[in-house]
């Protein structure tokens, strides 16, 4: 019975990661709610690194929690150039600030079909090439 539960957990975990990464591939911008606990989670870390390094999505950081140890982690190093809003301290404009950052960093959608064709990937396999370099170890 224990083995059955363990196998179901692994299957659920793989399925969840698949759905997570599939969702990221159709995302235009990532809002990462970063904290010390976030960077300690393997799933959160992999999600962030996949979005930032592999898919090269724009990322806006919301800083939460009470610590700043996350800054010396791989997530912290990879997010040095990301705009961020600190929610750790009293900040009456935090929600407005993050909204403005999101609006400013969202990639523009093509307004015409011609624009969409001009911005389309050159090859049909381009999407697979961006994700081939990323591996998740479970």
C-alpha atoms as a PDB file:
ATOM      1  CA  UNK A   1       0.000   0.000   0.000  1.00  0.00           C
ATOM      2  CA  UNK A   2       2.841   2.438   0.803  1.00  0.00           C
ATOM      3  CA  UNK A   3       4.498   1.747  -2.567  1.00  0.00           C
ATOM      4  CA  UNK A   4       1.205   2.485  -4.366  1.00  0.00           C
ATOM      5  CA  UNK A   5       0.882   5.862  -2.592  1.00  0.00           C
ATOM      6  CA  UNK A   6       4.508   6.680  -3.408  1.00  0.00           C
ATOM      7  CA  UNK A   7       4.047   5.841  -7.112  1.00  0.00           C
ATOM      8  CA  UNK A   8       0.872   7.963  -7.257  1.00  0.00           C
ATOM      9  CA  UNK A   9       2.730  10.866  -5.648  1.00  0.00           C
ATOM     10  CA  UNK A  10       5.521  10.641  -8.232  1.00  0.00           C
ATOM     11  CA  UNK A  11       2.986  10.460 -11.081  1.00  0.00           C
ATOM     12  CA  UNK A  12       1.118  13.477  -9.677  1.00  0.00           C
ATOM     13  CA  UNK A  13       4.410  15.350  -9.237  1.00  0.00           C
ATOM     14  CA  UNK A  14       5.483  14.713 -12.844  1.00  0.00           C
ATOM     15  CA  UNK A  15       2.029  15.663 -14.136  1.00  0.00           C
ATOM     16  CA  UNK A  16       2.048  18.858 -12.054  1.00  0.00           C
ATOM     17  CA  UNK A  17       5.482  19.874 -13.329  1.00  0.00           C
ATOM     18  CA  UNK A  18       4.416  19.177 -16.885  1.00  0.00           C
ATOM     19  CA  UNK A  19       1.346  21.405 -16.490  1.00  0.00           C
ATOM     20  CA  UNK A  20       3.406  24.079 -14.763  1.00  0.00           C
ATOM     21  CA  UNK A  21       6.009  24.219 -17.531  1.00  0.00           C
ATOM     22  CA  UNK A  22       3.350  23.986 -20.250  1.00  0.00           C
ATOM     23  CA  UNK A  23       1.583  26.968 -18.677  1.00  0.00           C
ATOM     24  CA  UNK A  24       4.812  28.950 -18.531  1.00  0.00           C
ATOM     25  CA  UNK A  25       5.356  28.415 -22.257  1.00  0.00           C
ATOM     26  CA  UNK A  26       2.163  30.378 -22.961  1.00  0.00           C
ATOM     27  CA  UNK A  27       2.944  33.121 -20.422  1.00  0.00           C
ATOM     28  CA  UNK A  28       4.033  36.614 -21.410  1.00  0.00           C
ATOM     29  CA  UNK A  29       5.341  37.771 -18.012  1.00  0.00           C
ATOM     30  CA  UNK A  30       6.115  36.134 -14.667  1.00  0.00           C
ATOM     31  CA  UNK A  31       5.397  37.684 -11.284  1.00  0.00           C
ATOM     32  CA  UNK A  32       7.593  35.864  -8.774  1.00  0.00           C
ATOM     33  CA  UNK A  33       6.626  36.287  -5.117  1.00  0.00           C
ATOM     34  CA  UNK A  34      10.103  35.707  -3.717  1.00  0.00           C
ATOM     35  CA  UNK A  35      11.060  34.891  -0.137  1.00  0.00           C
ATOM     36  CA  UNK A  36      13.611  32.734   1.660  1.00  0.00           C
ATOM     37  CA  UNK A  37      11.078  29.885   1.648  1.00  0.00           C
ATOM     38  CA  UNK A  38      10.457  30.303  -2.100  1.00  0.00           C
ATOM     39  CA  UNK A  39      14.127  29.738  -2.906  1.00  0.00           C
ATOM     40  CA  UNK A  40      14.254  26.675  -0.630  1.00  0.00           C
ATOM     41  CA  UNK A  41      11.527  24.968  -2.673  1.00  0.00           C
ATOM     42  CA  UNK A  42      12.949  22.899  -5.525  1.00  0.00           C
ATOM     43  CA  UNK A  43       9.752  23.292  -7.558  1.00  0.00           C
ATOM     44  CA  UNK A  44       9.664  27.092  -7.114  1.00  0.00           C
ATOM     45  CA  UNK A  45      13.367  27.369  -7.923  1.00  0.00           C
ATOM     46  CA  UNK A  46      12.994  25.269 -11.092  1.00  0.00           C
ATOM     47  CA  UNK A  47       9.912  27.218 -12.153  1.00  0.00           C
ATOM     48  CA  UNK A  48      11.752  30.535 -11.785  1.00  0.00           C
ATOM     49  CA  UNK A  49      14.908  29.362 -13.558  1.00  0.00           C
ATOM     50  CA  UNK A  50      12.933  27.773 -16.402  1.00  0.00           C
ATOM     51  CA  UNK A  51      10.949  30.991 -16.938  1.00  0.00           C
ATOM     52  CA  UNK A  52      13.917  33.360 -16.616  1.00  0.00           C
ATOM     53  CA  UNK A  53      16.795  31.442 -18.211  1.00  0.00           C
ATOM     54  CA  UNK A  54      15.213  29.001 -20.639  1.00  0.00           C
ATOM     55  CA  UNK A  55      12.097  30.822 -21.828  1.00  0.00           C
ATOM     56  CA  UNK A  56      13.689  34.247 -21.225  1.00  0.00           C
ATOM     57  CA  UNK A  57      10.406  35.649 -19.975  1.00  0.00           C
ATOM     58  CA  UNK A  58      10.303  39.069 -18.342  1.00  0.00           C
ATOM     59  CA  UNK A  59      10.100  38.669 -14.558  1.00  0.00           C
ATOM     60  CA  UNK A  60       8.825  41.134 -11.966  1.00  0.00           C
ATOM     61  CA  UNK A  61       9.664  40.335  -8.341  1.00  0.00           C
ATOM     62  CA  UNK A  62       7.441  40.859  -5.335  1.00  0.00           C
ATOM     63  CA  UNK A  63       9.625  40.505  -2.237  1.00  0.00           C
ATOM     64  CA  UNK A  64       7.809  38.824   0.686  1.00  0.00           C
ATOM     65  CA  UNK A  65       8.667  37.236   4.032  1.00  0.00           C
ATOM     66  CA  UNK A  66      11.020  38.650   6.606  1.00  0.00           C
ATOM     67  CA  UNK A  67      14.446  37.499   5.447  1.00  0.00           C
ATOM     68  CA  UNK A  68      16.844  38.354   2.651  1.00  0.00           C
ATOM     69  CA  UNK A  69      18.832  35.099   2.377  1.00  0.00           C
ATOM     70  CA  UNK A  70      17.104  34.492  -0.959  1.00  0.00           C
ATOM     71  CA  UNK A  71      19.369  37.171  -2.479  1.00  0.00           C
ATOM     72  CA  UNK A  72      22.458  34.910  -2.212  1.00  0.00           C
ATOM     73  CA  UNK A  73      20.752  31.942  -3.894  1.00  0.00           C
ATOM     74  CA  UNK A  74      20.689  31.036  -7.569  1.00  0.00           C
ATOM     75  CA  UNK A  75      17.277  32.715  -7.859  1.00  0.00           C
ATOM     76  CA  UNK A  76      18.708  35.866  -6.269  1.00  0.00           C
ATOM     77  CA  UNK A  77      21.678  35.936  -8.635  1.00  0.00           C
ATOM     78  CA  UNK A  78      19.509  35.358 -11.710  1.00  0.00           C
ATOM     79  CA  UNK A  79      17.093  38.083 -10.653  1.00  0.00           C
ATOM     80  CA  UNK A  80      19.612  40.912 -10.284  1.00  0.00           C
ATOM     81  CA  UNK A  81      18.244  42.692 -13.352  1.00  0.00           C
ATOM     82  CA  UNK A  82      14.568  42.084 -12.543  1.00  0.00           C
ATOM     83  CA  UNK A  83      12.447  45.005 -11.388  1.00  0.00           C
ATOM     84  CA  UNK A  84      11.166  44.452  -7.861  1.00  0.00           C
ATOM     85  CA  UNK A  85       8.718  45.777  -5.305  1.00  0.00           C
ATOM     86  CA  UNK A  86       9.292  45.157  -1.616  1.00  0.00           C
ATOM     87  CA  UNK A  87       6.229  43.953   0.292  1.00  0.00           C
ATOM     88  CA  UNK A  88       8.270  43.137   3.423  1.00  0.00           C
ATOM     89  CA  UNK A  89       7.945  46.608   4.871  1.00  0.00           C
ATOM     90  CA  UNK A  90       5.068  49.043   5.014  1.00  0.00           C
ATOM     91  CA  UNK A  91       4.718  50.355   1.499  1.00  0.00           C
ATOM     92  CA  UNK A  92       1.390  52.058   0.743  1.00  0.00           C
ATOM     93  CA  UNK A  93       2.127  52.163  -2.991  1.00  0.00           C
ATOM     94  CA  UNK A  94       3.381  48.567  -3.371  1.00  0.00           C
ATOM     95  CA  UNK A  95       0.360  47.279  -5.300  1.00  0.00           C
ATOM     96  CA  UNK A  96       0.317  50.326  -7.573  1.00  0.00           C
ATOM     97  CA  UNK A  97       4.089  50.011  -8.080  1.00  0.00           C
ATOM     98  CA  UNK A  98       3.913  46.347  -9.081  1.00  0.00           C
ATOM     99  CA  UNK A  99       0.943  47.041 -11.368  1.00  0.00           C
ATOM    100  CA  UNK A 100       2.940  49.754 -13.151  1.00  0.00           C
ATOM    101  CA  UNK A 101       5.968  47.461 -13.482  1.00  0.00           C
ATOM    102  CA  UNK A 102       3.792  44.732 -14.957  1.00  0.00           C
ATOM    103  CA  UNK A 103       2.248  47.127 -17.464  1.00  0.00           C
ATOM    104  CA  UNK A 104       5.688  48.450 -18.408  1.00  0.00           C
ATOM    105  CA  UNK A 105       7.258  45.019 -18.913  1.00  0.00           C
ATOM    106  CA  UNK A 106       4.456  43.169 -20.683  1.00  0.00           C
ATOM    107  CA  UNK A 107       5.481  42.359 -24.251  1.00  0.00           C
ATOM    108  CA  UNK A 108       3.211  44.125 -26.711  1.00  0.00           C
ATOM    109  CA  UNK A 109       0.731  41.974 -28.584  1.00  0.00           C
ATOM    110  CA  UNK A 110       0.654  42.420 -32.349  1.00  0.00           C
ATOM    111  CA  UNK A 111      -2.246  44.627 -33.367  1.00  0.00           C
ATOM    112  CA  UNK A 112      -2.559  43.192 -36.882  1.00  0.00           C
ATOM    113  CA  UNK A 113      -2.219  39.795 -38.539  1.00  0.00           C
ATOM    114  CA  UNK A 114       0.678  41.165 -40.602  1.00  0.00           C
ATOM    115  CA  UNK A 115       2.540  42.148 -37.409  1.00  0.00           C
ATOM    116  CA  UNK A 116       1.928  38.684 -35.966  1.00  0.00           C
ATOM    117  CA  UNK A 117       3.420  37.027 -39.055  1.00  0.00           C
ATOM    118  CA  UNK A 118       6.444  39.318 -39.010  1.00  0.00           C
ATOM    119  CA  UNK A 119       7.137  38.461 -35.362  1.00  0.00           C
ATOM    120  CA  UNK A 120       6.511  34.693 -35.715  1.00  0.00           C
ATOM    121  CA  UNK A 121       9.448  32.312 -35.155  1.00  0.00           C
ATOM    122  CA  UNK A 122      11.416  31.568 -38.319  1.00  0.00           C
ATOM    123  CA  UNK A 123      11.131  27.790 -37.963  1.00  0.00           C
ATOM    124  CA  UNK A 124       8.415  25.494 -36.742  1.00  0.00           C
ATOM    125  CA  UNK A 125      10.807  23.803 -34.307  1.00  0.00           C
ATOM    126  CA  UNK A 126      11.944  27.011 -32.602  1.00  0.00           C
ATOM    127  CA  UNK A 127       9.713  26.410 -29.579  1.00  0.00           C
ATOM    128  CA  UNK A 128      11.221  23.002 -28.856  1.00  0.00           C
ATOM    129  CA  UNK A 129      14.760  24.392 -29.111  1.00  0.00           C
ATOM    130  CA  UNK A 130      14.200  26.871 -26.269  1.00  0.00           C
ATOM    131  CA  UNK A 131      13.182  24.185 -23.799  1.00  0.00           C
ATOM    132  CA  UNK A 132      15.602  21.434 -24.811  1.00  0.00           C
ATOM    133  CA  UNK A 133      18.439  22.887 -22.721  1.00  0.00           C
ATOM    134  CA  UNK A 134      16.526  22.661 -19.440  1.00  0.00           C
ATOM    135  CA  UNK A 135      16.314  19.514 -17.370  1.00  0.00           C
ATOM    136  CA  UNK A 136      14.425  18.990 -14.168  1.00  0.00           C
ATOM    137  CA  UNK A 137      15.875  16.476 -11.767  1.00  0.00           C
ATOM    138  CA  UNK A 138      13.280  14.822  -9.613  1.00  0.00           C
END
